[in-house]
């Protein structure tokens, strides 16, 4: 049972988790904000070898795509960070990883249905893996925060 003094914090975290998840989901299916593969340019910055690669490899290695995947890991980490407190402490990191991966899979399905995303199953699997990594990262950060938030005499190994 949650102590009464922690309930407002948990309510705030629940609201943040919901808001973050809803906002990122809405962004992911809005064609004006996020359209998978809409712009496959390399943002004007090129590698000498970049132009010698086949077109598909150029698309896979574009700076925009790499930045988008990095952004997705950070976004999923936020979802994981705010969701993790509601999962059992014993398996929190694994449960958060799976929860955020499932959320990422739901986004992939929505993108297929709403945006008619041309991404391949391999690309979708990679995006779901980014979600899992982000969920793991968010739960890990929460573990660090809670570990260092404890009083020194309550920390493990002391």
N, C-alpha and C. Protein backbone atom coordinates (compact mmCIF):
# COMPACT_ATOMS: atom_id res chain seq x y z
N UNK A 1 0.84 -1.18 0.00
CA UNK A 1 0.00 0.00 0.00
C UNK A 1 0.88 1.25 0.00
N UNK A 2 0.46 2.23 -0.75
CA UNK A 2 1.23 3.47 -0.89
C UNK A 2 1.00 4.37 0.32
N UNK A 3 2.09 4.87 0.91
CA UNK A 3 1.92 5.82 2.02
C UNK A 3 1.18 7.07 1.53
N UNK A 4 0.32 7.66 2.38
CA UNK A 4 -0.47 8.83 1.95
C UNK A 4 0.37 10.01 1.45
N UNK A 5 1.57 10.19 1.99
CA UNK A 5 2.40 11.33 1.55
C UNK A 5 2.96 11.14 0.14
N UNK A 6 2.92 9.92 -0.38
CA UNK A 6 3.44 9.66 -1.73
C UNK A 6 2.35 9.65 -2.79
N UNK A 7 1.11 9.64 -2.38
CA UNK A 7 0.01 9.57 -3.35
C UNK A 7 -0.01 10.74 -4.33
N UNK A 8 0.18 11.99 -3.87
CA UNK A 8 0.20 13.10 -4.84
C UNK A 8 1.30 12.94 -5.90
N UNK A 9 2.45 12.44 -5.49
CA UNK A 9 3.54 12.22 -6.44
C UNK A 9 3.15 11.15 -7.46
N UNK A 10 2.54 10.07 -6.99
CA UNK A 10 2.11 9.01 -7.91
C UNK A 10 1.02 9.49 -8.86
N UNK A 11 0.13 10.32 -8.37
CA UNK A 11 -0.91 10.87 -9.25
C UNK A 11 -0.27 11.75 -10.32
N UNK A 12 0.68 12.58 -9.91
CA UNK A 12 1.40 13.42 -10.87
C UNK A 12 2.13 12.57 -11.91
N UNK A 13 2.81 11.52 -11.45
CA UNK A 13 3.52 10.64 -12.39
C UNK A 13 2.55 9.94 -13.33
N UNK A 14 1.39 9.54 -12.82
CA UNK A 14 0.39 8.89 -13.68
C UNK A 14 -0.11 9.86 -14.75
N UNK A 15 -0.34 11.09 -14.37
CA UNK A 15 -0.77 12.09 -15.34
C UNK A 15 0.32 12.37 -16.37
N UNK A 16 1.56 12.47 -15.91
CA UNK A 16 2.68 12.69 -16.83
C UNK A 16 2.85 11.51 -17.78
N UNK A 17 2.77 10.29 -17.25
CA UNK A 17 2.91 9.10 -18.10
C UNK A 17 1.83 9.07 -19.17
N UNK A 18 0.62 9.37 -18.77
CA UNK A 18 -0.49 9.37 -19.73
C UNK A 18 -0.31 10.48 -20.76
N UNK A 19 0.03 11.67 -20.30
CA UNK A 19 0.21 12.80 -21.23
C UNK A 19 1.33 12.53 -22.22
N UNK A 20 2.46 12.06 -21.73
CA UNK A 20 3.60 11.79 -22.61
C UNK A 20 3.23 10.72 -23.63
N UNK A 21 2.59 9.65 -23.18
CA UNK A 21 2.22 8.57 -24.09
C UNK A 21 1.23 9.04 -25.15
N UNK A 22 0.23 9.81 -24.74
CA UNK A 22 -0.78 10.30 -25.68
C UNK A 22 -0.17 11.28 -26.68
N UNK A 23 0.66 12.20 -26.20
CA UNK A 23 1.29 13.18 -27.09
C UNK A 23 2.19 12.49 -28.11
N UNK A 24 3.05 11.59 -27.65
CA UNK A 24 3.95 10.91 -28.58
C UNK A 24 3.19 10.02 -29.56
N UNK A 25 2.10 9.42 -29.11
CA UNK A 25 1.28 8.60 -30.01
C UNK A 25 0.65 9.50 -31.08
N UNK A 26 0.11 10.64 -30.66
CA UNK A 26 -0.50 11.57 -31.61
C UNK A 26 0.52 12.09 -32.62
N UNK A 27 1.72 12.41 -32.15
CA UNK A 27 2.78 12.86 -33.05
C UNK A 27 3.10 11.77 -34.07
N UNK A 28 3.16 10.53 -33.62
CA UNK A 28 3.59 9.44 -34.49
C UNK A 28 2.60 9.13 -35.61
N UNK A 29 1.35 9.56 -35.46
CA UNK A 29 0.38 9.27 -36.53
C UNK A 29 -0.11 10.54 -37.24
N UNK A 30 0.49 11.66 -36.94
CA UNK A 30 0.13 12.91 -37.61
C UNK A 30 1.01 13.09 -38.84
N UNK A 31 0.42 13.06 -40.03
CA UNK A 31 1.23 13.15 -41.25
C UNK A 31 1.96 14.48 -41.41
N UNK A 32 1.51 15.52 -40.77
CA UNK A 32 2.18 16.82 -40.86
C UNK A 32 3.42 16.88 -39.97
N UNK A 33 3.43 16.09 -38.90
CA UNK A 33 4.55 16.12 -37.97
C UNK A 33 5.50 14.96 -38.21
N UNK A 34 4.93 13.79 -38.39
CA UNK A 34 5.75 12.59 -38.51
C UNK A 34 5.23 11.75 -39.67
N UNK A 35 5.98 11.69 -40.72
CA UNK A 35 5.61 10.86 -41.86
C UNK A 35 6.79 9.97 -42.17
N UNK A 36 6.73 8.70 -41.83
CA UNK A 36 7.87 7.81 -42.05
C UNK A 36 8.38 7.86 -43.48
N UNK A 37 9.64 8.22 -43.61
CA UNK A 37 10.28 8.22 -44.92
C UNK A 37 9.88 9.37 -45.81
N UNK A 38 9.15 10.36 -45.28
CA UNK A 38 8.69 11.45 -46.14
C UNK A 38 9.85 12.23 -46.73
N UNK A 39 10.83 12.51 -45.93
CA UNK A 39 12.00 13.21 -46.43
C UNK A 39 13.21 12.35 -46.13
N UNK A 40 13.79 11.84 -47.17
CA UNK A 40 14.90 10.92 -46.96
C UNK A 40 16.24 11.58 -47.29
N UNK A 41 16.25 12.87 -47.30
CA UNK A 41 17.50 13.58 -47.57
C UNK A 41 18.45 13.45 -46.40
N UNK A 42 19.66 13.88 -46.63
CA UNK A 42 20.65 13.75 -45.56
C UNK A 42 20.97 15.11 -44.94
N UNK A 43 19.99 16.03 -44.97
CA UNK A 43 20.09 17.34 -44.32
C UNK A 43 21.27 18.17 -44.80
N UNK A 44 21.70 17.96 -46.03
CA UNK A 44 22.76 18.77 -46.59
C UNK A 44 24.15 18.43 -46.11
N UNK A 45 24.29 17.47 -45.25
CA UNK A 45 25.60 17.07 -44.74
C UNK A 45 25.86 15.67 -45.27
N UNK A 46 26.90 15.52 -46.05
CA UNK A 46 27.14 14.21 -46.65
C UNK A 46 28.48 13.63 -46.30
N UNK A 47 28.55 12.33 -46.34
CA UNK A 47 29.82 11.63 -46.24
C UNK A 47 30.31 11.39 -47.66
N UNK A 48 31.60 11.32 -47.85
CA UNK A 48 32.11 11.07 -49.19
C UNK A 48 31.60 9.74 -49.74
N UNK A 49 31.49 8.76 -48.89
CA UNK A 49 31.03 7.45 -49.34
C UNK A 49 29.53 7.38 -49.51
N UNK A 50 28.81 8.31 -48.91
CA UNK A 50 27.36 8.30 -48.92
C UNK A 50 26.80 8.22 -50.34
N UNK A 51 27.33 9.02 -51.24
CA UNK A 51 26.80 9.08 -52.60
C UNK A 51 27.14 7.84 -53.42
N UNK A 52 28.10 7.04 -52.96
CA UNK A 52 28.45 5.82 -53.68
C UNK A 52 27.60 4.63 -53.25
N UNK A 53 26.78 4.80 -52.23
CA UNK A 53 25.95 3.71 -51.74
C UNK A 53 24.69 3.58 -52.59
N UNK A 54 24.13 2.37 -52.66
CA UNK A 54 22.84 2.21 -53.35
C UNK A 54 21.77 3.07 -52.65
N UNK A 55 20.73 3.42 -53.38
CA UNK A 55 19.67 4.31 -52.88
C UNK A 55 19.08 3.81 -51.55
N UNK A 56 18.77 2.52 -51.41
CA UNK A 56 18.19 2.01 -50.17
C UNK A 56 19.14 2.19 -49.00
N UNK A 57 20.42 1.94 -49.21
CA UNK A 57 21.40 2.13 -48.14
C UNK A 57 21.49 3.60 -47.76
N UNK A 58 21.39 4.51 -48.75
CA UNK A 58 21.39 5.93 -48.44
C UNK A 58 20.20 6.29 -47.56
N UNK A 59 19.04 5.73 -47.92
CA UNK A 59 17.83 6.00 -47.13
C UNK A 59 18.00 5.49 -45.70
N UNK A 60 18.58 4.30 -45.54
CA UNK A 60 18.74 3.72 -44.21
C UNK A 60 19.77 4.47 -43.38
N UNK A 61 20.72 5.14 -44.03
CA UNK A 61 21.79 5.82 -43.30
C UNK A 61 21.63 7.34 -43.27
N UNK A 62 20.49 7.85 -43.71
CA UNK A 62 20.33 9.30 -43.74
C UNK A 62 20.39 9.87 -42.32
N UNK A 63 20.92 11.08 -42.22
CA UNK A 63 21.03 11.73 -40.92
C UNK A 63 19.65 11.94 -40.31
N UNK A 64 18.69 12.27 -41.14
CA UNK A 64 17.32 12.47 -40.64
C UNK A 64 16.80 11.20 -40.00
N UNK A 65 17.04 10.09 -40.64
CA UNK A 65 16.55 8.80 -40.11
C UNK A 65 17.27 8.45 -38.80
N UNK A 66 18.58 8.66 -38.77
CA UNK A 66 19.35 8.37 -37.55
C UNK A 66 18.89 9.28 -36.42
N UNK A 67 18.68 10.57 -36.71
CA UNK A 67 18.19 11.49 -35.69
C UNK A 67 16.80 11.09 -35.20
N UNK A 68 15.96 10.66 -36.12
CA UNK A 68 14.60 10.24 -35.76
C UNK A 68 14.63 9.02 -34.84
N UNK A 69 15.53 8.09 -35.11
CA UNK A 69 15.63 6.89 -34.25
C UNK A 69 16.17 7.27 -32.88
N UNK A 70 17.13 8.20 -32.85
CA UNK A 70 17.64 8.68 -31.56
C UNK A 70 16.56 9.39 -30.76
N UNK A 71 15.78 10.21 -31.46
CA UNK A 71 14.66 10.88 -30.80
C UNK A 71 13.67 9.86 -30.26
N UNK A 72 13.42 8.81 -31.02
CA UNK A 72 12.43 7.83 -30.57
C UNK A 72 12.89 7.13 -29.30
N UNK A 73 14.18 6.82 -29.20
CA UNK A 73 14.69 6.18 -27.98
C UNK A 73 14.49 7.11 -26.79
N UNK A 74 14.79 8.40 -26.96
CA UNK A 74 14.61 9.37 -25.87
C UNK A 74 13.12 9.50 -25.52
N UNK A 75 12.27 9.57 -26.53
CA UNK A 75 10.83 9.68 -26.27
C UNK A 75 10.32 8.44 -25.53
N UNK A 76 10.75 7.26 -25.98
CA UNK A 76 10.32 6.03 -25.30
C UNK A 76 10.91 5.95 -23.89
N UNK A 77 12.08 6.52 -23.69
CA UNK A 77 12.67 6.55 -22.35
C UNK A 77 11.80 7.40 -21.41
N UNK A 78 11.27 8.49 -21.91
CA UNK A 78 10.36 9.31 -21.10
C UNK A 78 9.10 8.53 -20.74
N UNK A 79 8.54 7.82 -21.71
CA UNK A 79 7.37 6.99 -21.44
C UNK A 79 7.73 5.95 -20.38
N UNK A 80 8.88 5.32 -20.52
CA UNK A 80 9.32 4.33 -19.54
C UNK A 80 9.56 4.92 -18.18
N UNK A 81 10.20 6.09 -18.13
CA UNK A 81 10.50 6.74 -16.86
C UNK A 81 9.23 7.04 -16.07
N UNK A 82 8.22 7.56 -16.74
CA UNK A 82 6.99 7.91 -16.05
C UNK A 82 6.06 6.72 -15.81
N UNK A 83 6.25 5.63 -16.56
CA UNK A 83 5.41 4.44 -16.39
C UNK A 83 5.98 3.47 -15.36
N UNK A 84 7.29 3.43 -15.23
CA UNK A 84 7.95 2.44 -14.37
C UNK A 84 7.49 2.45 -12.91
N UNK A 85 7.19 3.60 -12.31
CA UNK A 85 6.79 3.57 -10.90
C UNK A 85 5.53 2.75 -10.63
N UNK A 86 4.76 2.48 -11.67
CA UNK A 86 3.51 1.76 -11.49
C UNK A 86 3.65 0.26 -11.70
N UNK A 87 4.85 -0.17 -11.97
CA UNK A 87 5.11 -1.59 -12.20
C UNK A 87 5.81 -2.17 -10.98
N UNK A 88 5.70 -3.48 -10.78
CA UNK A 88 6.30 -4.10 -9.59
C UNK A 88 7.81 -3.86 -9.53
N UNK A 89 8.29 -3.51 -8.35
CA UNK A 89 9.72 -3.22 -8.17
C UNK A 89 10.59 -4.41 -8.53
N UNK A 90 10.11 -5.60 -8.23
CA UNK A 90 10.92 -6.80 -8.41
C UNK A 90 11.37 -6.99 -9.87
N UNK A 91 10.48 -6.75 -10.81
CA UNK A 91 10.80 -6.92 -12.23
C UNK A 91 10.57 -5.64 -13.01
N UNK A 92 10.80 -4.51 -12.38
CA UNK A 92 10.44 -3.22 -12.97
C UNK A 92 11.11 -2.96 -14.31
N UNK A 93 12.39 -3.22 -14.41
CA UNK A 93 13.09 -2.90 -15.66
C UNK A 93 12.58 -3.79 -16.80
N UNK A 94 12.44 -5.08 -16.55
CA UNK A 94 11.94 -6.00 -17.59
C UNK A 94 10.49 -5.66 -17.96
N UNK A 95 9.67 -5.39 -16.95
CA UNK A 95 8.26 -5.08 -17.22
C UNK A 95 8.13 -3.77 -18.00
N UNK A 96 8.92 -2.78 -17.65
CA UNK A 96 8.87 -1.50 -18.36
C UNK A 96 9.35 -1.67 -19.80
N UNK A 97 10.40 -2.44 -19.97
CA UNK A 97 10.91 -2.71 -21.32
C UNK A 97 9.82 -3.33 -22.19
N UNK A 98 9.14 -4.34 -21.65
CA UNK A 98 8.08 -5.01 -22.41
C UNK A 98 6.87 -4.10 -22.64
N UNK A 99 6.50 -3.33 -21.63
CA UNK A 99 5.37 -2.42 -21.76
C UNK A 99 5.63 -1.38 -22.85
N UNK A 100 6.81 -0.79 -22.84
CA UNK A 100 7.12 0.25 -23.83
C UNK A 100 7.31 -0.37 -25.22
N UNK A 101 7.83 -1.58 -25.29
CA UNK A 101 7.92 -2.26 -26.59
C UNK A 101 6.51 -2.51 -27.15
N UNK A 102 5.57 -2.89 -26.29
CA UNK A 102 4.19 -3.10 -26.74
C UNK A 102 3.57 -1.77 -27.20
N UNK A 103 3.86 -0.70 -26.48
CA UNK A 103 3.39 0.63 -26.87
C UNK A 103 3.97 1.00 -28.24
N UNK A 104 5.25 0.71 -28.44
CA UNK A 104 5.90 0.99 -29.72
C UNK A 104 5.26 0.17 -30.84
N UNK A 105 4.93 -1.09 -30.54
CA UNK A 105 4.26 -1.93 -31.54
C UNK A 105 2.89 -1.36 -31.89
N UNK A 106 2.18 -0.83 -30.91
CA UNK A 106 0.88 -0.21 -31.17
C UNK A 106 1.04 1.01 -32.09
N UNK A 107 2.10 1.76 -31.88
CA UNK A 107 2.38 2.91 -32.76
C UNK A 107 2.63 2.43 -34.18
N UNK A 108 3.40 1.36 -34.33
CA UNK A 108 3.69 0.84 -35.68
C UNK A 108 2.41 0.41 -36.39
N UNK A 109 1.52 -0.25 -35.67
CA UNK A 109 0.23 -0.67 -36.26
C UNK A 109 -0.59 0.56 -36.64
N UNK A 110 -0.64 1.55 -35.76
CA UNK A 110 -1.39 2.77 -36.05
C UNK A 110 -0.82 3.49 -37.27
N UNK A 111 0.50 3.51 -37.39
CA UNK A 111 1.11 4.16 -38.55
C UNK A 111 0.74 3.44 -39.85
N UNK A 112 0.68 2.11 -39.79
CA UNK A 112 0.26 1.35 -40.98
C UNK A 112 -1.19 1.70 -41.34
N UNK A 113 -2.06 1.76 -40.33
CA UNK A 113 -3.47 2.00 -40.58
C UNK A 113 -3.77 3.45 -40.96
N UNK A 114 -3.15 4.40 -40.29
CA UNK A 114 -3.47 5.82 -40.49
C UNK A 114 -2.63 6.45 -41.59
N UNK A 115 -1.34 6.20 -41.57
CA UNK A 115 -0.43 6.82 -42.53
C UNK A 115 -0.13 5.94 -43.73
N UNK A 116 -0.60 4.72 -43.70
CA UNK A 116 -0.28 3.74 -44.74
C UNK A 116 1.23 3.67 -44.94
N UNK A 117 1.92 3.56 -43.81
CA UNK A 117 3.38 3.57 -43.78
C UNK A 117 3.96 2.50 -44.70
N UNK A 118 4.94 2.88 -45.53
CA UNK A 118 5.56 1.93 -46.44
C UNK A 118 6.71 1.15 -45.79
N UNK A 119 6.95 1.37 -44.50
CA UNK A 119 8.08 0.72 -43.85
C UNK A 119 7.92 -0.80 -43.87
N UNK A 120 9.04 -1.48 -43.98
CA UNK A 120 9.04 -2.94 -44.01
C UNK A 120 8.87 -3.50 -42.61
N UNK A 121 8.60 -4.80 -42.53
CA UNK A 121 8.50 -5.46 -41.22
C UNK A 121 9.82 -5.37 -40.47
N UNK A 122 10.92 -5.45 -41.18
CA UNK A 122 12.23 -5.31 -40.53
C UNK A 122 12.39 -3.92 -39.93
N UNK A 123 11.96 -2.91 -40.66
CA UNK A 123 12.02 -1.53 -40.16
C UNK A 123 11.10 -1.38 -38.95
N UNK A 124 9.91 -1.97 -39.02
CA UNK A 124 8.99 -1.92 -37.87
C UNK A 124 9.60 -2.61 -36.66
N UNK A 125 10.23 -3.75 -36.88
CA UNK A 125 10.87 -4.48 -35.78
C UNK A 125 11.99 -3.65 -35.16
N UNK A 126 12.74 -2.95 -36.00
CA UNK A 126 13.80 -2.08 -35.48
C UNK A 126 13.21 -0.95 -34.64
N UNK A 127 12.09 -0.38 -35.11
CA UNK A 127 11.43 0.69 -34.35
C UNK A 127 10.93 0.17 -33.00
N UNK A 128 10.40 -1.04 -32.98
CA UNK A 128 9.93 -1.63 -31.73
C UNK A 128 11.12 -1.90 -30.81
N UNK A 129 12.24 -2.31 -31.38
CA UNK A 129 13.45 -2.50 -30.57
C UNK A 129 13.91 -1.16 -29.98
N UNK A 130 13.80 -0.07 -30.75
CA UNK A 130 14.11 1.26 -30.21
C UNK A 130 13.20 1.58 -29.04
N UNK A 131 11.93 1.21 -29.15
CA UNK A 131 10.99 1.40 -28.05
C UNK A 131 11.40 0.62 -26.82
N UNK A 132 11.80 -0.63 -27.03
CA UNK A 132 12.24 -1.47 -25.91
C UNK A 132 13.48 -0.88 -25.24
N UNK A 133 14.43 -0.43 -26.05
CA UNK A 133 15.65 0.18 -25.49
C UNK A 133 15.28 1.44 -24.69
N UNK A 134 14.39 2.24 -25.24
CA UNK A 134 13.95 3.43 -24.53
C UNK A 134 13.25 3.09 -23.22
N UNK A 135 12.39 2.09 -23.23
CA UNK A 135 11.71 1.66 -22.01
C UNK A 135 12.70 1.18 -20.97
N UNK A 136 13.67 0.39 -21.42
CA UNK A 136 14.72 -0.08 -20.51
C UNK A 136 15.48 1.10 -19.93
N UNK A 137 15.84 2.05 -20.78
CA UNK A 137 16.59 3.23 -20.33
C UNK A 137 15.79 4.03 -19.30
N UNK A 138 14.51 4.25 -19.57
CA UNK A 138 13.67 5.00 -18.64
C UNK A 138 13.57 4.32 -17.28
N UNK A 139 13.38 2.99 -17.27
CA UNK A 139 13.30 2.25 -16.00
C UNK A 139 14.64 2.28 -15.28
N UNK A 140 15.72 2.19 -16.03
CA UNK A 140 17.06 2.22 -15.43
C UNK A 140 17.32 3.58 -14.79
N UNK A 141 16.93 4.65 -15.47
CA UNK A 141 17.10 6.00 -14.92
C UNK A 141 16.28 6.14 -13.64
N UNK A 142 15.04 5.62 -13.64
CA UNK A 142 14.23 5.68 -12.43
C UNK A 142 14.91 4.93 -11.29
N UNK A 143 15.49 3.77 -11.59
CA UNK A 143 16.20 3.00 -10.57
C UNK A 143 17.35 3.82 -9.99
N UNK A 144 18.11 4.50 -10.83
CA UNK A 144 19.19 5.35 -10.35
C UNK A 144 18.67 6.50 -9.49
N UNK A 145 17.61 7.13 -9.96
CA UNK A 145 17.04 8.26 -9.22
C UNK A 145 16.59 7.81 -7.83
N UNK A 146 15.86 6.70 -7.78
CA UNK A 146 15.36 6.24 -6.48
C UNK A 146 16.49 5.77 -5.58
N UNK A 147 17.52 5.19 -6.15
CA UNK A 147 18.67 4.73 -5.35
C UNK A 147 19.38 5.93 -4.71
N UNK A 148 19.59 6.98 -5.48
CA UNK A 148 20.30 8.14 -4.94
C UNK A 148 19.40 9.07 -4.13
N UNK A 149 18.09 8.90 -4.26
CA UNK A 149 17.17 9.72 -3.47
C UNK A 149 17.04 9.20 -2.04
N UNK A 150 17.43 7.96 -1.83
CA UNK A 150 17.36 7.39 -0.47
C UNK A 150 18.38 8.08 0.42
N UNK A 151 18.10 8.03 1.69
CA UNK A 151 19.05 8.54 2.67
C UNK A 151 20.26 7.62 2.66
N UNK A 152 21.45 8.14 2.92
CA UNK A 152 22.68 7.32 2.85
C UNK A 152 22.61 6.01 3.64
N UNK A 153 21.99 6.00 4.80
CA UNK A 153 21.94 4.78 5.61
C UNK A 153 20.95 3.75 5.05
N UNK A 154 20.06 4.16 4.11
CA UNK A 154 19.09 3.25 3.51
C UNK A 154 19.60 2.62 2.22
N UNK A 155 20.71 3.11 1.70
CA UNK A 155 21.22 2.61 0.42
C UNK A 155 21.79 1.20 0.57
N UNK A 156 21.59 0.37 -0.45
CA UNK A 156 22.16 -0.99 -0.39
C UNK A 156 23.68 -0.95 -0.26
N UNK A 157 24.23 -1.90 0.46
CA UNK A 157 25.67 -2.01 0.60
C UNK A 157 26.24 -1.12 1.67
N UNK A 158 25.42 -0.53 2.50
CA UNK A 158 25.92 0.37 3.56
C UNK A 158 25.59 -0.20 4.91
